[in-house]
N, C-alpha and C. Protein backbone atom coordinates (compact mmCIF):
# COMPACT_ATOMS: atom_id res chain seq x y z
N MET A 1 144.16 278.29 174.96
CA MET A 1 145.86 278.02 175.11
C MET A 1 146.51 277.00 174.62
N LYS A 2 147.55 276.89 174.38
CA LYS A 2 147.87 275.52 173.97
C LYS A 2 148.87 274.94 175.34
N HIS A 3 149.21 274.44 176.02
CA HIS A 3 149.77 274.01 176.62
C HIS A 3 151.38 272.83 176.25
N ASP A 4 152.52 272.78 176.78
CA ASP A 4 153.20 272.07 176.66
C ASP A 4 153.02 270.79 177.49
N THR A 5 154.07 269.51 177.05
CA THR A 5 153.65 268.48 177.54
C THR A 5 154.15 268.51 179.14
N ALA A 6 155.11 269.13 179.05
CA ALA A 6 155.71 269.30 180.67
C ALA A 6 154.57 269.98 181.67
N THR A 7 153.89 270.97 181.16
CA THR A 7 152.96 271.70 181.80
C THR A 7 151.55 270.52 181.95
N LEU A 8 151.32 269.95 181.11
CA LEU A 8 150.11 268.95 181.23
C LEU A 8 150.16 267.72 182.12
N ARG A 9 151.40 267.36 181.93
CA ARG A 9 151.99 266.36 182.72
C ARG A 9 151.72 266.63 184.48
N HIS A 10 152.37 267.68 184.76
CA HIS A 10 152.30 268.04 185.74
C HIS A 10 150.89 268.76 186.31
N GLU A 11 150.03 268.83 185.55
CA GLU A 11 148.99 269.33 186.06
C GLU A 11 147.78 267.75 186.16
N HIS A 12 148.33 266.92 185.32
CA HIS A 12 147.49 265.67 185.81
C HIS A 12 148.11 265.05 186.56
N THR A 13 149.15 264.87 186.95
CA THR A 13 149.90 264.11 187.73
C THR A 13 149.82 264.71 189.29
N GLN A 14 150.10 265.91 189.13
CA GLN A 14 150.41 266.26 190.48
C GLN A 14 148.96 266.97 191.48
N GLU A 15 148.48 267.45 190.48
CA GLU A 15 147.27 268.14 191.09
C GLU A 15 145.71 267.68 190.86
N ASP A 16 145.24 266.77 191.68
CA ASP A 16 143.54 266.11 191.92
C ASP A 16 142.69 267.62 191.40
N LYS A 17 141.83 266.72 190.52
CA LYS A 17 140.94 267.72 190.28
C LYS A 17 139.73 267.74 191.17
N VAL A 18 139.42 267.18 192.14
CA VAL A 18 138.03 267.24 193.14
C VAL A 18 139.10 266.90 194.68
N PHE A 19 139.76 265.91 194.64
CA PHE A 19 140.47 265.75 196.03
C PHE A 19 141.78 266.77 196.19
N LYS A 20 141.52 267.36 197.35
CA LYS A 20 142.39 268.29 197.80
C LYS A 20 143.79 267.51 197.97
N ASN A 21 144.03 266.36 198.63
CA ASN A 21 144.90 265.69 198.63
C ASN A 21 143.92 264.36 198.76
N PHE A 22 145.10 263.34 197.93
CA PHE A 22 144.17 262.32 197.55
C PHE A 22 144.27 261.22 198.54
N PRO A 23 143.09 260.41 199.05
CA PRO A 23 143.12 260.07 200.33
C PRO A 23 144.25 258.50 200.45
N GLU A 24 145.55 258.72 201.23
CA GLU A 24 146.29 257.52 201.44
C GLU A 24 145.86 257.10 202.79
N ASP A 25 144.96 257.79 203.87
CA ASP A 25 144.83 256.71 205.16
C ASP A 25 144.24 255.38 205.19
N PRO A 26 144.68 254.37 205.34
CA PRO A 26 144.53 253.15 205.42
C PRO A 26 142.93 253.06 205.64
N GLU A 27 142.71 253.62 206.67
CA GLU A 27 140.97 253.54 207.31
C GLU A 27 139.79 254.06 206.10
N PHE A 28 140.35 254.78 204.88
CA PHE A 28 139.44 255.22 204.20
C PHE A 28 139.03 253.97 203.19
N TYR A 29 139.73 252.64 203.37
CA TYR A 29 139.66 251.57 202.27
C TYR A 29 139.01 250.11 202.78
N HIS A 30 138.77 249.12 202.21
CA HIS A 30 138.51 248.20 202.48
C HIS A 30 139.61 247.44 203.23
N LYS A 31 139.66 246.38 204.25
CA LYS A 31 140.31 245.74 204.44
C LYS A 31 141.33 244.90 204.09
N ASP A 32 140.89 244.50 203.03
CA ASP A 32 141.71 243.56 201.82
C ASP A 32 142.89 244.62 201.04
N ILE A 33 142.07 245.80 201.08
CA ILE A 33 143.53 246.87 200.03
C ILE A 33 144.16 246.97 200.97
N ARG A 34 144.10 247.38 202.58
CA ARG A 34 144.80 248.04 203.64
C ARG A 34 146.44 247.90 203.41
N PRO A 35 146.43 246.37 203.37
CA PRO A 35 148.09 246.28 203.79
C PRO A 35 148.86 246.29 202.15
N ASN A 36 148.38 246.66 201.33
CA ASN A 36 148.64 246.91 199.97
C ASN A 36 148.77 248.32 199.39
N ILE A 37 148.61 249.27 200.49
CA ILE A 37 148.78 250.45 200.41
C ILE A 37 150.13 250.95 199.91
N VAL A 38 150.96 250.84 201.19
CA VAL A 38 152.35 251.02 200.90
C VAL A 38 152.90 250.43 200.02
N ARG A 39 152.96 249.42 199.99
CA ARG A 39 153.65 248.31 198.95
C ARG A 39 153.37 249.07 197.72
N ILE A 40 152.24 249.08 197.05
CA ILE A 40 151.70 249.72 195.82
C ILE A 40 152.70 251.06 195.36
N ILE A 41 151.94 251.63 196.79
CA ILE A 41 152.91 253.14 196.53
C ILE A 41 154.51 253.22 196.48
N HIS A 42 154.73 252.67 197.27
CA HIS A 42 156.57 252.42 197.48
C HIS A 42 156.94 251.99 195.83
N GLU A 43 156.24 251.13 195.55
CA GLU A 43 157.13 250.19 194.57
C GLU A 43 156.45 250.20 192.82
N ARG A 44 155.01 251.06 192.95
CA ARG A 44 154.61 251.21 191.83
C ARG A 44 154.39 252.75 191.61
N GLY A 45 154.73 253.59 192.58
CA GLY A 45 154.04 254.65 192.42
C GLY A 45 153.15 255.03 192.95
N LEU A 46 152.98 256.24 193.20
CA LEU A 46 151.30 257.29 193.82
C LEU A 46 150.67 257.17 192.77
N GLU A 47 151.06 257.51 191.37
CA GLU A 47 150.12 257.60 189.97
C GLU A 47 149.46 256.45 190.01
N GLU A 48 150.14 255.02 189.96
CA GLU A 48 149.67 254.01 189.81
C GLU A 48 148.58 253.52 190.79
N TRP A 49 149.04 253.93 192.51
CA TRP A 49 148.37 254.07 193.24
C TRP A 49 146.52 254.67 192.72
N LYS A 50 146.77 255.62 192.70
CA LYS A 50 145.76 256.73 192.39
C LYS A 50 144.79 256.38 191.56
N TYR A 51 145.67 255.92 189.94
CA TYR A 51 144.67 255.34 188.93
C TYR A 51 144.23 254.30 189.19
N GLY A 52 144.49 253.18 189.89
CA GLY A 52 144.15 251.87 190.20
C GLY A 52 143.10 251.96 190.99
N ILE A 53 142.84 252.93 192.20
CA ILE A 53 141.54 253.43 192.99
C ILE A 53 140.49 253.75 192.00
N LEU A 54 140.98 255.03 191.14
CA LEU A 54 139.98 255.65 190.48
C LEU A 54 139.30 254.28 189.63
N THR A 55 140.29 253.62 188.76
CA THR A 55 139.83 252.42 187.65
C THR A 55 138.94 251.93 188.39
N ASN A 56 138.86 251.06 189.10
CA ASN A 56 138.24 250.37 190.21
C ASN A 56 136.83 250.87 190.35
N GLU A 57 136.93 252.33 191.10
CA GLU A 57 135.40 252.77 191.48
C GLU A 57 134.52 252.93 190.19
N LEU A 58 135.28 253.88 189.15
CA LEU A 58 134.42 253.38 187.50
C LEU A 58 134.38 252.39 187.25
N HIS A 59 134.85 251.33 187.24
CA HIS A 59 134.44 249.82 186.59
C HIS A 59 133.34 249.37 187.36
N GLY A 60 133.33 249.54 188.71
CA GLY A 60 132.20 248.62 189.62
C GLY A 60 132.83 248.18 190.23
N HIS A 61 133.76 247.33 189.76
CA HIS A 61 134.27 246.30 190.99
C HIS A 61 136.02 246.29 190.61
N LEU A 62 136.82 244.87 191.45
CA LEU A 62 137.87 245.27 191.49
C LEU A 62 138.37 244.46 190.39
N GLY A 63 138.71 244.93 189.17
CA GLY A 63 138.99 243.64 187.98
C GLY A 63 139.79 243.86 187.40
N ILE A 64 140.51 242.61 186.84
CA ILE A 64 141.79 242.28 186.41
C ILE A 64 142.32 243.14 185.20
N TYR A 65 141.36 243.15 184.26
CA TYR A 65 141.30 243.48 183.29
C TYR A 65 141.55 244.95 183.38
N ALA A 66 140.80 245.73 183.78
CA ALA A 66 140.97 247.29 184.13
C ALA A 66 142.06 247.36 185.35
N ILE A 67 142.63 246.87 185.45
CA ILE A 67 143.91 247.03 186.17
C ILE A 67 144.99 246.85 185.21
N ILE A 68 144.81 245.84 184.23
CA ILE A 68 145.56 245.76 183.11
C ILE A 68 145.45 246.95 182.44
N GLY A 69 144.47 247.60 182.00
CA GLY A 69 144.76 248.63 181.32
C GLY A 69 145.06 249.94 181.93
N MET A 70 144.78 250.00 183.06
CA MET A 70 145.35 251.12 183.85
C MET A 70 146.93 251.17 183.94
N LYS A 71 147.47 249.49 184.23
CA LYS A 71 148.83 249.94 183.94
C LYS A 71 149.32 250.15 182.45
N MET A 72 148.81 249.13 181.49
CA MET A 72 149.16 249.59 180.36
C MET A 72 149.05 251.17 179.64
N GLY A 73 148.22 252.07 180.35
CA GLY A 73 147.83 253.30 180.26
C GLY A 73 149.21 254.09 180.64
N LEU A 74 149.57 253.89 181.69
CA LEU A 74 150.53 254.57 182.45
C LEU A 74 151.89 254.37 181.63
N PHE A 75 151.88 253.11 181.46
CA PHE A 75 153.13 252.41 180.57
C PHE A 75 153.62 253.53 179.23
N ALA A 76 152.45 253.13 178.75
CA ALA A 76 152.74 254.38 176.94
C ALA A 76 152.83 255.29 177.25
N LEU A 77 152.35 256.30 178.56
CA LEU A 77 152.19 257.83 178.38
C LEU A 77 153.83 257.73 178.62
N GLU A 78 154.49 256.99 179.71
CA GLU A 78 155.93 257.09 180.08
C GLU A 78 156.84 256.79 178.98
N TYR A 79 156.38 255.83 178.08
CA TYR A 79 157.17 255.33 176.93
C TYR A 79 157.21 256.47 175.86
N LEU A 80 156.18 257.02 175.63
CA LEU A 80 156.06 258.04 174.72
C LEU A 80 156.41 259.42 175.08
N ASP A 81 156.83 259.69 176.74
CA ASP A 81 157.02 260.94 176.96
C ASP A 81 155.78 262.08 176.62
N ALA A 82 154.50 261.38 176.82
CA ALA A 82 153.17 262.24 176.47
C ALA A 82 152.60 262.42 178.00
N GLY A 83 151.79 263.53 177.76
CA GLY A 83 150.99 263.59 179.34
C GLY A 83 149.48 263.44 178.96
N ALA A 84 148.83 263.52 180.10
CA ALA A 84 147.45 263.15 180.02
C ALA A 84 146.79 264.16 178.97
N GLY A 85 145.85 263.33 178.19
CA GLY A 85 144.57 263.36 177.36
C GLY A 85 145.77 263.94 176.04
N GLN A 86 146.80 263.29 175.84
CA GLN A 86 147.97 264.02 174.73
C GLN A 86 147.90 262.79 173.75
N VAL A 87 147.38 261.57 174.08
CA VAL A 87 147.69 260.71 172.94
C VAL A 87 146.47 259.87 172.78
N GLN A 88 146.44 259.31 171.72
CA GLN A 88 145.10 259.15 171.08
C GLN A 88 145.09 257.53 170.78
N ILE A 89 144.18 256.66 171.17
CA ILE A 89 144.13 255.39 171.41
C ILE A 89 143.44 254.45 170.44
N LEU A 90 143.68 253.33 169.79
CA LEU A 90 142.86 252.63 169.37
C LEU A 90 143.03 251.44 170.05
N SER A 91 141.95 250.79 170.67
CA SER A 91 141.84 249.85 171.60
C SER A 91 141.62 248.66 170.72
N LEU A 92 142.04 247.57 170.99
CA LEU A 92 141.77 246.28 170.46
C LEU A 92 141.24 245.12 171.41
N ALA A 93 140.68 246.05 172.55
CA ALA A 93 139.86 245.31 173.64
C ALA A 93 138.64 244.72 173.41
N GLY A 94 138.09 245.16 172.57
CA GLY A 94 136.81 245.26 171.84
C GLY A 94 135.56 245.58 172.83
N SER A 95 134.39 245.23 172.57
CA SER A 95 133.59 245.50 173.39
C SER A 95 132.76 244.60 174.18
N LYS A 96 133.56 243.65 174.51
CA LYS A 96 132.69 242.27 175.45
C LYS A 96 133.73 241.71 176.56
N PRO A 97 132.93 241.97 177.98
CA PRO A 97 133.77 241.47 179.30
C PRO A 97 134.20 239.98 178.98
N PRO A 98 135.25 239.57 179.54
CA PRO A 98 136.12 240.33 180.62
C PRO A 98 137.10 241.32 179.96
N VAL A 99 137.84 241.09 178.49
CA VAL A 99 138.64 241.52 177.95
C VAL A 99 138.29 243.16 178.01
N SER A 100 137.28 243.70 177.53
CA SER A 100 136.89 245.04 176.77
C SER A 100 136.82 245.83 178.52
N CYS A 101 137.14 245.11 179.44
CA CYS A 101 137.15 245.98 181.03
C CYS A 101 138.80 246.61 180.76
N THR A 102 139.49 246.21 180.24
CA THR A 102 140.73 246.79 179.68
C THR A 102 140.53 248.68 179.50
N ASN A 103 139.28 248.71 178.71
CA ASN A 103 139.22 249.95 178.23
C ASN A 103 138.94 251.11 179.57
N ASP A 104 138.14 250.36 180.29
CA ASP A 104 138.35 251.64 181.49
C ASP A 104 139.38 252.16 182.35
N GLY A 105 140.62 250.66 182.22
CA GLY A 105 141.67 251.34 182.84
C GLY A 105 142.61 252.12 181.67
N LEU A 106 142.20 252.43 180.72
CA LEU A 106 143.05 252.99 179.52
C LEU A 106 142.57 254.57 179.68
N GLN A 107 141.06 254.58 179.73
CA GLN A 107 140.74 255.80 179.95
C GLN A 107 141.41 256.69 181.04
N VAL A 108 141.09 255.80 182.47
CA VAL A 108 141.44 256.79 183.44
C VAL A 108 142.79 256.94 183.59
N SER A 109 143.90 255.98 183.22
CA SER A 109 145.53 256.50 183.19
C SER A 109 145.83 257.43 182.48
N THR A 110 145.23 257.50 181.14
CA THR A 110 145.67 258.36 180.28
C THR A 110 144.97 259.41 180.10
N GLY A 111 143.79 260.09 180.19
CA GLY A 111 142.94 261.10 180.38
C GLY A 111 142.09 260.83 178.69
N ALA A 112 142.71 259.68 177.84
CA ALA A 112 142.00 259.62 176.61
C ALA A 112 140.72 258.88 176.85
N THR A 113 139.90 259.74 176.95
CA THR A 113 138.41 259.32 177.34
C THR A 113 137.23 259.16 175.97
N ILE A 114 136.42 258.48 176.20
CA ILE A 114 135.44 258.67 175.16
C ILE A 114 135.03 259.97 174.91
N GLY A 115 134.45 260.87 176.09
CA GLY A 115 133.92 261.86 176.01
C GLY A 115 134.99 262.92 175.70
N HIS A 116 136.20 262.69 175.75
CA HIS A 116 137.40 263.69 174.69
C HIS A 116 137.75 263.30 173.61
N GLY A 117 137.20 262.22 173.06
CA GLY A 117 137.05 261.82 172.09
C GLY A 117 138.68 261.20 171.23
N LEU A 118 139.33 261.06 172.32
CA LEU A 118 140.43 260.60 172.15
C LEU A 118 140.80 258.99 172.35
N ILE A 119 139.60 258.01 172.14
CA ILE A 119 139.82 256.85 172.67
C ILE A 119 138.99 256.04 171.42
N LYS A 120 139.25 255.11 170.33
CA LYS A 120 138.22 253.90 169.95
C LYS A 120 138.47 252.76 170.24
N ILE A 121 137.21 252.33 170.15
CA ILE A 121 137.20 250.56 170.44
C ILE A 121 137.20 249.68 169.01
N MET A 122 138.05 248.97 168.79
CA MET A 122 137.85 248.24 167.73
C MET A 122 137.20 246.78 168.39
N ASP A 123 136.32 246.26 167.47
CA ASP A 123 135.70 245.20 167.84
C ASP A 123 136.87 244.15 167.27
N ALA A 124 137.92 243.71 167.96
CA ALA A 124 138.88 242.84 167.14
C ALA A 124 138.37 241.35 167.22
N ASP A 125 138.56 240.38 166.23
CA ASP A 125 138.72 238.74 166.99
C ASP A 125 139.66 238.34 166.77
N PRO A 126 140.11 237.74 167.92
CA PRO A 126 139.70 237.68 169.19
C PRO A 126 139.69 238.96 169.93
N PRO A 127 139.44 239.34 170.73
CA PRO A 127 139.92 240.49 171.42
C PRO A 127 140.82 240.91 172.37
N SER A 128 141.92 241.53 172.56
CA SER A 128 143.26 241.58 172.67
C SER A 128 143.80 242.41 174.06
N PRO A 129 144.08 242.15 175.36
CA PRO A 129 144.46 242.90 176.14
C PRO A 129 145.67 244.01 175.33
N ALA A 130 145.31 244.87 174.32
CA ALA A 130 146.36 245.50 173.64
C ALA A 130 145.56 247.07 172.78
N ALA A 131 146.78 247.75 172.75
CA ALA A 131 146.12 249.17 172.01
C ALA A 131 147.01 249.99 171.38
N ILE A 132 146.81 250.64 170.22
CA ILE A 132 147.74 251.59 169.71
C ILE A 132 147.71 252.82 169.91
N PHE A 133 148.58 253.63 170.75
CA PHE A 133 149.06 254.56 171.43
C PHE A 133 149.60 255.67 170.02
N SER A 134 149.08 256.94 170.18
CA SER A 134 149.82 257.49 169.12
C SER A 134 149.70 258.85 169.55
N TYR A 135 150.99 259.77 169.46
CA TYR A 135 151.45 260.65 169.70
C TYR A 135 152.69 261.52 169.08
N LYS A 136 151.93 262.58 168.73
CA LYS A 136 152.60 263.50 168.04
C LYS A 136 152.87 262.92 166.45
N GLU A 137 153.84 262.55 166.18
CA GLU A 137 154.10 261.41 164.64
C GLU A 137 154.40 259.91 165.26
N LYS A 138 154.31 259.90 166.59
CA LYS A 138 155.19 258.23 166.53
C LYS A 138 153.75 257.63 167.23
N SER A 139 153.34 256.47 166.77
CA SER A 139 152.51 255.66 167.24
C SER A 139 153.05 253.73 167.56
N ILE A 140 152.86 253.50 168.28
CA ILE A 140 153.10 252.24 169.13
C ILE A 140 152.12 251.07 169.33
N ARG A 141 152.09 250.15 169.35
CA ARG A 141 151.13 248.74 169.59
C ARG A 141 151.90 248.72 171.21
N VAL A 142 150.92 248.51 171.72
CA VAL A 142 151.36 247.81 172.99
C VAL A 142 150.43 246.83 173.67
N LEU A 143 151.15 245.60 173.87
CA LEU A 143 150.15 244.32 174.17
C LEU A 143 150.72 243.82 175.35
N LEU A 144 149.98 242.89 176.24
CA LEU A 144 150.07 241.94 177.04
C LEU A 144 151.08 240.90 176.69
N LYS A 145 152.42 240.88 177.62
CA LYS A 145 152.80 239.56 176.59
C LYS A 145 152.10 238.20 176.78
N GLU A 146 153.02 237.77 176.20
CA GLU A 146 151.76 236.28 176.08
C GLU A 146 151.92 235.39 177.12
N THR A 147 152.87 235.32 177.78
CA THR A 147 152.68 234.69 179.27
C THR A 147 151.97 234.87 180.35
N PHE A 148 151.65 236.43 180.40
CA PHE A 148 150.88 236.67 181.22
C PHE A 148 149.36 236.93 180.78
N ARG A 149 149.26 237.23 179.26
CA ARG A 149 147.79 237.16 178.99
C ARG A 149 147.35 235.60 179.47
N GLN A 150 148.49 234.33 178.96
CA GLN A 150 147.75 233.09 179.46
C GLN A 150 147.46 232.72 181.01
N GLN A 151 148.28 233.56 181.40
CA GLN A 151 148.27 233.14 183.30
C GLN A 151 146.25 233.80 183.89
N VAL A 152 146.14 234.86 182.94
CA VAL A 152 145.04 235.70 183.17
C VAL A 152 144.01 235.03 182.65
N ALA A 153 143.72 234.25 181.52
CA ALA A 153 143.08 233.52 180.77
C ALA A 153 142.73 232.24 181.63
N ARG A 154 143.72 231.83 182.30
CA ARG A 154 144.27 230.44 183.07
C ARG A 154 143.21 230.68 184.23
N GLN A 155 143.62 231.60 184.75
CA GLN A 155 143.06 231.50 186.05
C GLN A 155 141.43 232.39 186.17
N ILE A 156 140.89 233.22 185.24
CA ILE A 156 139.95 233.46 185.18
C ILE A 156 138.80 232.61 184.98
N SER A 157 139.42 231.50 183.68
CA SER A 157 138.60 230.25 183.46
C SER A 157 138.62 229.09 185.09
N ALA A 158 139.47 229.09 185.71
CA ALA A 158 139.77 228.11 186.74
C ALA A 158 138.85 228.74 187.83
N ALA A 159 138.69 230.40 187.78
CA ALA A 159 137.90 230.86 189.00
C ALA A 159 136.88 230.64 188.60
N ARG A 160 135.97 230.67 187.50
CA ARG A 160 134.86 230.10 186.75
C ARG A 160 134.48 229.03 187.35
N GLN A 161 135.30 228.20 186.99
CA GLN A 161 135.05 226.54 187.01
C GLN A 161 134.68 226.03 188.70
N GLU A 162 135.58 226.70 189.27
CA GLU A 162 135.36 226.40 190.85
C GLU A 162 134.76 227.05 191.46
N ASN A 163 134.19 227.76 190.98
CA ASN A 163 133.08 228.71 191.96
C ASN A 163 131.63 228.90 191.16
N GLY A 164 131.27 227.99 189.92
CA GLY A 164 130.14 227.59 189.59
C GLY A 164 129.46 228.73 188.86
N GLY A 165 130.52 229.45 187.93
CA GLY A 165 130.09 230.49 187.28
C GLY A 165 130.38 232.13 187.76
N LEU A 166 129.31 233.00 187.47
CA LEU A 166 129.48 234.55 187.85
C LEU A 166 128.73 234.37 189.40
N THR A 167 129.36 233.27 190.25
CA THR A 167 128.67 233.59 191.64
C THR A 167 129.33 234.83 192.58
N ASP A 168 129.08 235.20 193.59
CA ASP A 168 129.59 235.50 194.81
C ASP A 168 130.99 235.52 194.86
N ARG A 169 131.24 233.97 195.57
CA ARG A 169 132.36 233.56 195.11
C ARG A 169 133.40 233.45 193.77
N TYR A 170 132.98 233.78 192.86
CA TYR A 170 133.56 234.12 191.90
C TYR A 170 134.14 235.31 191.59
N TRP A 171 133.32 236.72 191.74
CA TRP A 171 133.59 238.01 191.89
C TRP A 171 134.85 238.17 193.00
N LYS A 172 134.70 237.21 194.36
CA LYS A 172 135.62 237.58 195.58
C LYS A 172 137.04 236.70 194.79
N SER A 173 136.94 235.41 194.19
CA SER A 173 138.30 235.00 193.65
C SER A 173 139.08 236.28 192.91
N ILE A 174 137.77 236.96 191.59
CA ILE A 174 138.68 237.93 190.83
C ILE A 174 139.15 239.13 191.67
N ARG A 175 138.52 239.55 192.56
CA ARG A 175 139.14 240.72 193.66
C ARG A 175 140.22 240.16 193.85
N GLU A 176 140.73 238.97 194.53
CA GLU A 176 141.50 238.77 195.19
C GLU A 176 142.94 238.49 194.23
N LEU A 177 142.54 238.13 192.92
CA LEU A 177 143.52 237.76 191.86
C LEU A 177 143.70 239.56 191.49
N ALA A 178 142.69 240.33 191.14
CA ALA A 178 143.23 241.82 191.03
C ALA A 178 143.89 242.53 191.66
N ILE A 179 143.62 242.27 193.20
CA ILE A 179 144.81 242.62 193.95
C ILE A 179 146.13 242.33 193.90
N ALA A 180 146.21 240.95 193.78
CA ALA A 180 147.60 240.42 193.65
C ALA A 180 148.51 240.77 192.31
N TYR A 181 147.43 241.17 191.36
CA TYR A 181 148.08 241.46 189.97
C TYR A 181 148.96 242.86 190.32
N TRP A 182 147.80 243.85 190.99
CA TRP A 182 148.00 245.33 191.17
C TRP A 182 148.85 245.55 191.94
N THR A 183 149.27 244.76 193.03
CA THR A 183 150.40 244.61 193.65
C THR A 183 151.88 243.77 193.15
N GLY A 184 151.54 242.76 192.66
CA GLY A 184 153.02 242.21 192.08
C GLY A 184 153.36 242.66 191.02
N TRP A 185 152.68 242.87 189.55
CA TRP A 185 153.08 242.95 188.58
C TRP A 185 153.71 244.85 188.29
N ASP A 186 154.70 244.54 187.55
CA ASP A 186 155.63 246.01 187.70
C ASP A 186 155.24 246.19 185.90
N ARG A 187 154.66 247.32 185.88
CA ARG A 187 154.13 247.56 184.35
C ARG A 187 154.95 247.92 183.52
N ASN A 188 156.40 247.83 183.64
CA ASN A 188 157.89 247.63 183.03
C ASN A 188 158.17 246.65 182.54
N LYS A 189 157.27 245.45 183.01
CA LYS A 189 157.66 244.07 182.95
C LYS A 189 156.52 243.33 181.76
N LEU A 190 155.29 244.17 181.78
CA LEU A 190 154.27 243.27 181.70
C LEU A 190 153.91 243.34 180.14
N PHE A 191 154.35 244.40 179.35
CA PHE A 191 153.92 244.66 177.79
C PHE A 191 155.33 244.43 176.90
N GLU A 192 154.80 244.21 175.56
CA GLU A 192 155.63 244.03 174.50
C GLU A 192 155.47 245.18 173.86
N VAL A 193 156.29 246.19 173.32
CA VAL A 193 155.98 247.53 172.20
C VAL A 193 156.50 247.04 170.87
N ILE A 194 155.28 247.06 170.12
CA ILE A 194 155.68 247.17 168.77
C ILE A 194 155.57 248.50 167.76
N PRO A 195 156.52 249.30 167.54
CA PRO A 195 156.25 249.98 166.49
C PRO A 195 155.34 250.31 165.14
N GLU A 196 154.59 251.33 165.22
CA GLU A 196 153.48 251.22 164.15
C GLU A 196 154.05 251.99 163.08
N ASN A 197 153.96 251.99 161.64
CA ASN A 197 154.21 252.69 161.03
C ASN A 197 153.44 254.03 160.61
N ILE A 198 151.97 253.59 160.64
CA ILE A 198 151.10 254.90 160.43
C ILE A 198 150.21 254.97 161.70
N ARG A 199 150.36 256.51 161.62
CA ARG A 199 149.72 256.95 163.03
C ARG A 199 147.89 256.78 162.87
N ASN A 200 147.29 255.98 163.74
CA ASN A 200 146.13 256.22 164.04
C ASN A 200 145.25 257.16 164.46
């Protein structure tokens, strides 16, 4: 049976598939997450809160590019007025961390998963936190604005140097940055949109 966009969107955004109610109680979360729950839900919306949690659980750690991918996916769905599992994605984030971590956020927030065959990963050189989203007869390229891209690259590099490589202290710094980006960055101000002439 074919569902219309409104039905799919309602099913995706309003009804959790496993949780009866998505947990918002601070006691369910680590101490560094608790102070941000109310702010993220209030300023970024319940969807971003939920998909941020699910993205990072899938990703295995609280990651910067995973958060960017999650925000990008939600932004693209809203821009295209599409529902979950309705967009096709060609990711330009490649398959090498840390930029490739964008792919996890894209899948969680859009429902365009590898299992559903709705996302393809292009090994771009260099990889970029960007993707082409196609819905119906429309395709758009969404990319992280250059000022934000430079900020992320600079801060990840600094964290690596200051903490002696991929040490426990490094991952702690990345977690702190990811929480700050998740909380502070408005997805509606992060991305540049370029129309694509040919649907991918």
